[in-house]
């Protein structure tokens, strides 16, 4: 892996600040939530500090550290988030990844809290860039429980929901990781609204296959998981499995609507 020049490192800090401002403005994080990192060499990364709003960062706050946790930035005021552990785990497992973003976007986090993976083929853009997004089991923040919980999913996907916690996206660069977070939240919002309308139609398996062919032709970077085979959106599903899933979604939707009516 090539090391970035110092000038590029300066530009990366500016970009981290800009992405931090964007995720804060969009409501993907509140208060001091979330963290962003960029790998700059085989053994070094830049990361956001703990205890600082991502909407109000400055260059002196960005921390340089090693993959084994040693802080290289000379600052007594700012230190890395304890959740940088899960960023480092991603970098260890995926040599192709250079940036990781963790946030709490309301809609995809709601699915993570509800225990519902975003694994259905609903939007072409999401199929192309994210595929099926799994949920990693709950882990206590700031401990190795979260890095351990996401490990099984890192080779198969560039996005993971964190049970009762939020979302994690990663990419070949900072912009790619950020765009995946945007797509994930946008898709979750649309699926949520569709459930409220009473129906979620999935893209047929043959059309998903065409999308995968397009993905190959466009040489879209990253990894996507084929839609799962347990009644969600696998390209190998039989038509009756798709019908069964639609029925299941409809039943869940009816229960949600009934419950909402009871609360009125």
Protein backbone atom coordinates (compact mmCIF):
# COMPACT_ATOMS: atom_id res chain seq x y z
CA UNK A 1 0.00 0.00 0.00
CA UNK A 2 1.40 3.40 -0.95
CA UNK A 3 1.74 6.15 1.65
CA UNK A 4 -0.04 9.43 0.93
CA UNK A 5 2.08 12.55 0.61
CA UNK A 6 1.88 15.16 3.37
CA UNK A 7 -0.06 17.44 1.05
CA UNK A 8 -2.63 14.70 0.48
CA UNK A 9 -2.78 14.12 4.24
CA UNK A 10 -3.64 17.80 4.66
CA UNK A 11 -6.39 17.49 2.06
CA UNK A 12 -7.72 14.32 3.72
CA UNK A 13 -8.09 16.18 7.02
CA UNK A 14 -10.11 18.85 5.24
CA UNK A 15 -12.28 16.16 3.68
CA UNK A 16 -12.84 14.42 7.03
CA UNK A 17 -14.03 17.75 8.44
CA UNK A 18 -16.37 18.28 5.48
CA UNK A 19 -17.85 14.78 5.74
CA UNK A 20 -18.25 15.27 9.48
CA UNK A 21 -20.19 18.45 8.85
CA UNK A 22 -22.39 16.68 6.31
CA UNK A 23 -23.33 13.73 8.53
CA UNK A 24 -24.09 16.14 11.38
CA UNK A 25 -26.17 18.46 9.17
CA UNK A 26 -28.13 15.51 7.78
CA UNK A 27 -28.93 14.26 11.26
CA UNK A 28 -26.91 11.08 10.90
CA UNK A 29 -25.25 11.90 14.23
CA UNK A 30 -26.23 13.94 17.29
CA UNK A 31 -24.06 15.71 19.83
CA UNK A 32 -20.63 14.02 19.77
CA UNK A 33 -21.76 10.77 18.13
CA UNK A 34 -20.07 8.99 15.24
CA UNK A 35 -16.53 8.67 14.00
CA UNK A 36 -14.64 8.84 10.71
CA UNK A 37 -11.26 7.43 9.72
CA UNK A 38 -9.00 7.24 6.68
CA UNK A 39 -6.10 4.84 6.31
CA UNK A 40 -3.04 6.72 5.03
CA UNK A 41 -0.44 3.94 4.98
CA UNK A 42 0.05 0.30 5.89
CA UNK A 43 0.23 1.17 9.57
CA UNK A 44 -1.25 4.65 9.97
CA UNK A 45 -4.66 6.29 9.90
CA UNK A 46 -6.34 9.62 10.51
CA UNK A 47 -9.38 9.62 12.76
CA UNK A 48 -11.85 11.98 14.40
CA UNK A 49 -11.54 12.79 18.12
CA UNK A 50 -13.81 11.69 20.92
CA UNK A 51 -16.04 14.21 22.67
CA UNK A 52 -16.33 16.58 19.71
CA UNK A 53 -19.35 17.22 17.48
CA UNK A 54 -18.68 16.10 13.93
CA UNK A 55 -20.25 19.33 12.73
CA UNK A 56 -17.67 21.55 14.43
CA UNK A 57 -14.29 19.96 13.83
CA UNK A 58 -11.09 21.75 12.92
CA UNK A 59 -7.85 20.42 11.46
CA UNK A 60 -6.00 20.42 14.76
CA UNK A 61 -8.58 17.98 16.14
CA UNK A 62 -7.87 15.23 13.61
CA UNK A 63 -5.70 12.53 15.13
CA UNK A 64 -2.98 10.48 13.50
CA UNK A 65 -2.40 7.06 14.99
CA UNK A 66 -1.04 3.62 14.24
CA UNK A 67 -2.98 0.45 13.58
CA UNK A 68 -1.97 -0.89 16.99
CA UNK A 69 -3.49 2.13 18.76
CA UNK A 70 -0.49 4.37 19.33
CA UNK A 71 -1.38 8.07 19.00
CA UNK A 72 1.16 9.98 16.88
CA UNK A 73 -0.45 13.42 17.11
CA UNK A 74 1.03 15.62 19.80
CA UNK A 75 -2.11 16.88 21.50
CA UNK A 76 -3.11 16.58 25.13
CA UNK A 77 -6.57 17.96 24.38
CA UNK A 78 -7.81 15.49 21.77
CA UNK A 79 -7.73 11.72 21.74
CA UNK A 80 -9.27 9.13 19.41
CA UNK A 81 -12.66 7.59 20.07
CA UNK A 82 -12.57 4.21 21.77
CA UNK A 83 -14.72 3.02 18.88
CA UNK A 84 -11.79 3.40 16.50
CA UNK A 85 -11.24 -0.28 17.37
CA UNK A 86 -13.94 -1.30 14.90
CA UNK A 87 -12.37 0.90 12.20
CA UNK A 88 -9.03 -0.82 12.75
CA UNK A 89 -10.71 -4.22 12.55
CA UNK A 90 -12.13 -3.32 9.14
CA UNK A 91 -8.68 -2.26 7.90
CA UNK A 92 -7.13 -5.46 9.22
CA UNK A 93 -9.71 -7.62 7.49
CA UNK A 94 -9.91 -5.67 4.21
CA UNK A 95 -6.71 -4.47 2.50
CA UNK A 96 -8.83 -2.74 -0.17
CA UNK A 97 -10.54 -0.43 2.32
CA UNK A 98 -9.12 3.05 3.03
CA UNK A 99 -11.99 4.74 4.85
CA UNK A 100 -14.60 3.84 7.48
CA UNK A 101 -17.58 5.86 8.74
CA UNK A 102 -19.72 5.09 11.77
CA UNK A 103 -22.95 7.02 12.35
CA UNK A 104 -26.48 6.70 13.72
CA UNK A 105 -28.79 7.63 10.80
CA UNK A 106 -32.35 7.45 12.18
CA UNK A 107 -33.98 5.15 9.64
CA UNK A 108 -31.31 2.50 9.18
CA UNK A 109 -30.62 2.61 12.92
CA UNK A 110 -34.34 2.00 13.48
CA UNK A 111 -34.06 -1.16 11.40
CA UNK A 112 -31.01 -2.15 13.45
CA UNK A 113 -32.97 -1.59 16.67
CA UNK A 114 -35.93 -3.56 15.29
CA UNK A 115 -33.61 -6.38 14.27
CA UNK A 116 -34.61 -6.15 10.59
CA UNK A 117 -31.71 -6.40 8.10
CA UNK A 118 -31.87 -4.24 4.97
CA UNK A 119 -31.42 -7.26 2.75
CA UNK A 120 -34.28 -6.92 0.27
CA UNK A 121 -33.79 -5.97 -3.37
CA UNK A 122 -35.95 -2.86 -3.45
CA UNK A 123 -33.95 -0.04 -5.08
CA UNK A 124 -31.61 -0.56 -8.07
CA UNK A 125 -29.04 1.89 -6.70
CA UNK A 126 -28.88 0.05 -3.38
CA UNK A 127 -28.59 -3.32 -5.11
CA UNK A 128 -25.66 -2.01 -7.18
CA UNK A 129 -23.71 -0.38 -4.36
CA UNK A 130 -24.74 -2.14 -1.14
CA UNK A 131 -26.45 -5.45 -1.86
CA UNK A 132 -27.87 -7.11 1.25
CA UNK A 133 -26.91 -5.28 4.42
CA UNK A 134 -26.69 -7.56 7.48
CA UNK A 135 -27.04 -6.78 11.18
CA UNK A 136 -24.11 -7.55 13.45
CA UNK A 137 -25.03 -8.76 16.97
CA UNK A 138 -25.08 -6.17 19.73
CA UNK A 139 -21.76 -5.33 21.32
CA UNK A 140 -20.91 -2.94 24.14
CA UNK A 141 -19.48 0.32 22.74
CA UNK A 142 -15.81 1.02 23.45
CA UNK A 143 -15.03 -2.69 23.91
CA UNK A 144 -13.77 -5.39 21.56
CA UNK A 145 -17.29 -6.82 21.44
CA UNK A 146 -18.18 -4.66 18.44
CA UNK A 147 -15.05 -5.45 16.38
CA UNK A 148 -15.68 -9.12 17.12
CA UNK A 149 -19.36 -8.86 16.18
CA UNK A 150 -18.72 -7.27 12.76
CA UNK A 151 -15.83 -9.54 11.80
CA UNK A 152 -17.98 -12.28 10.16
CA UNK A 153 -19.55 -9.74 7.77
CA UNK A 154 -16.55 -7.71 6.63
CA UNK A 155 -15.47 -9.92 3.72
CA UNK A 156 -18.93 -9.96 2.18
CA UNK A 157 -20.26 -6.42 2.48
CA UNK A 158 -19.25 -2.76 2.56
CA UNK A 159 -22.03 -1.85 4.99
CA UNK A 160 -23.14 -3.35 8.29
CA UNK A 161 -25.95 -2.42 10.64
CA UNK A 162 -24.97 -2.55 14.31
CA UNK A 163 -27.75 -3.95 16.50
CA UNK A 164 -29.19 -1.23 18.77
CA UNK A 165 -26.33 1.05 17.81
CA UNK A 166 -26.12 2.43 14.28
CA UNK A 167 -24.42 1.76 10.97
CA UNK A 168 -20.93 1.23 9.60
CA UNK A 169 -19.90 1.81 5.99
CA UNK A 170 -16.50 1.54 4.36
CA UNK A 171 -14.96 2.11 0.95
CA UNK A 172 -11.87 2.60 -1.19
CA UNK A 173 -11.84 6.28 -0.23
CA UNK A 174 -13.65 8.68 2.08
CA UNK A 175 -16.21 9.82 -0.48
CA UNK A 176 -17.11 6.21 -1.33
CA UNK A 177 -17.64 5.36 2.35
CA UNK A 178 -19.78 8.47 2.82
CA UNK A 179 -21.90 7.83 -0.27
CA UNK A 180 -22.62 4.31 0.99
CA UNK A 181 -23.87 5.78 4.27
CA UNK A 182 -26.15 8.14 2.33
CA UNK A 183 -27.47 5.31 0.15
CA UNK A 184 -28.03 3.09 3.18
CA UNK A 185 -30.08 5.72 5.02
CA UNK A 186 -31.98 6.75 1.88
CA UNK A 187 -32.92 3.12 1.19
CA UNK A 188 -33.96 2.52 4.79
CA UNK A 189 -36.17 5.61 4.68
CA UNK A 190 -37.92 4.44 1.51
CA UNK A 191 -38.43 0.89 2.82
CA UNK A 192 -39.83 2.33 6.06
CA UNK A 193 -42.29 4.52 4.15
CA UNK A 194 -43.27 1.60 1.90
CA UNK A 195 -44.09 -0.53 4.94
CA UNK A 196 -46.29 2.32 6.16
CA UNK A 197 -48.11 2.33 2.81
CA UNK A 198 -48.83 -1.36 3.25
CA UNK A 199 -46.64 -3.05 0.64
CA UNK A 200 -43.00 -3.63 -0.28
CA UNK A 201 -42.47 -4.89 -3.82
CA UNK A 202 -39.08 -6.42 -4.47
CA UNK A 203 -37.15 -6.40 -7.73
CA UNK A 204 -37.63 -9.80 -9.45
CA UNK A 205 -34.63 -12.17 -9.42
CA UNK A 206 -34.03 -11.92 -13.18
CA UNK A 207 -33.88 -8.13 -12.94
CA UNK A 208 -31.46 -8.34 -10.01
CA UNK A 209 -29.27 -10.55 -12.18
CA UNK A 210 -29.27 -7.85 -14.86
CA UNK A 211 -28.23 -5.28 -12.27
CA UNK A 212 -25.31 -7.47 -11.25
CA UNK A 213 -24.24 -7.67 -14.90
CA UNK A 214 -24.38 -3.88 -15.09
CA UNK A 215 -22.35 -3.67 -11.88
CA UNK A 216 -19.63 -5.82 -13.44
CA UNK A 217 -19.59 -3.76 -16.65
CA UNK A 218 -19.32 -0.50 -14.69
CA UNK A 219 -16.57 -2.03 -12.55
CA UNK A 220 -18.17 -0.72 -9.38
CA UNK A 221 -15.69 -1.15 -6.54
CA UNK A 222 -16.41 -2.84 -3.24
CA UNK A 223 -18.17 -6.00 -2.21
CA UNK A 224 -21.87 -6.77 -2.10
CA UNK A 225 -23.62 -9.76 -0.61
CA UNK A 226 -26.13 -11.58 -2.77
CA UNK A 227 -29.58 -11.12 -1.32
CA UNK A 228 -30.18 -13.74 1.32
CA UNK A 229 -31.97 -17.00 0.56
CA UNK A 230 -34.37 -17.07 3.51
CA UNK A 231 -37.23 -15.39 1.72
CA UNK A 232 -35.66 -12.00 1.12
CA UNK A 233 -34.16 -11.17 -2.26
CA UNK A 234 -31.75 -13.85 -3.45
CA UNK A 235 -31.14 -13.94 -7.18
CA UNK A 236 -31.49 -17.70 -6.83
CA UNK A 237 -34.95 -17.58 -5.30
CA UNK A 238 -37.87 -19.36 -6.84
CA UNK A 239 -40.99 -17.29 -7.57
CA UNK A 240 -42.94 -18.96 -4.75
CA UNK A 241 -40.24 -17.86 -2.28
CA UNK A 242 -40.66 -14.27 -3.43
CA UNK A 243 -44.42 -14.61 -2.95
CA UNK A 244 -43.93 -16.03 0.52
CA UNK A 245 -41.73 -13.10 1.45
CA UNK A 246 -44.27 -10.61 0.15
CA UNK A 247 -46.90 -12.30 2.29
CA UNK A 248 -44.63 -12.15 5.30
CA UNK A 249 -43.95 -8.43 4.78
CA UNK A 250 -47.69 -7.83 4.36
CA UNK A 251 -48.45 -9.63 7.63
CA UNK A 252 -45.81 -7.63 9.48
CA UNK A 253 -47.13 -4.42 7.93
CA UNK A 254 -50.70 -5.20 9.05
CA UNK A 255 -49.51 -5.80 12.61
CA UNK A 256 -47.57 -2.52 12.62
CA UNK A 257 -50.58 -0.58 11.29
CA UNK A 258 -52.91 -2.25 13.82
CA UNK A 259 -50.54 -1.34 16.62
CA UNK A 260 -50.28 2.26 15.45
CA UNK A 261 -54.09 2.50 15.30
CA UNK A 262 -54.31 1.22 18.88
CA UNK A 263 -51.97 3.97 20.01
CA UNK A 264 -54.07 6.77 18.43
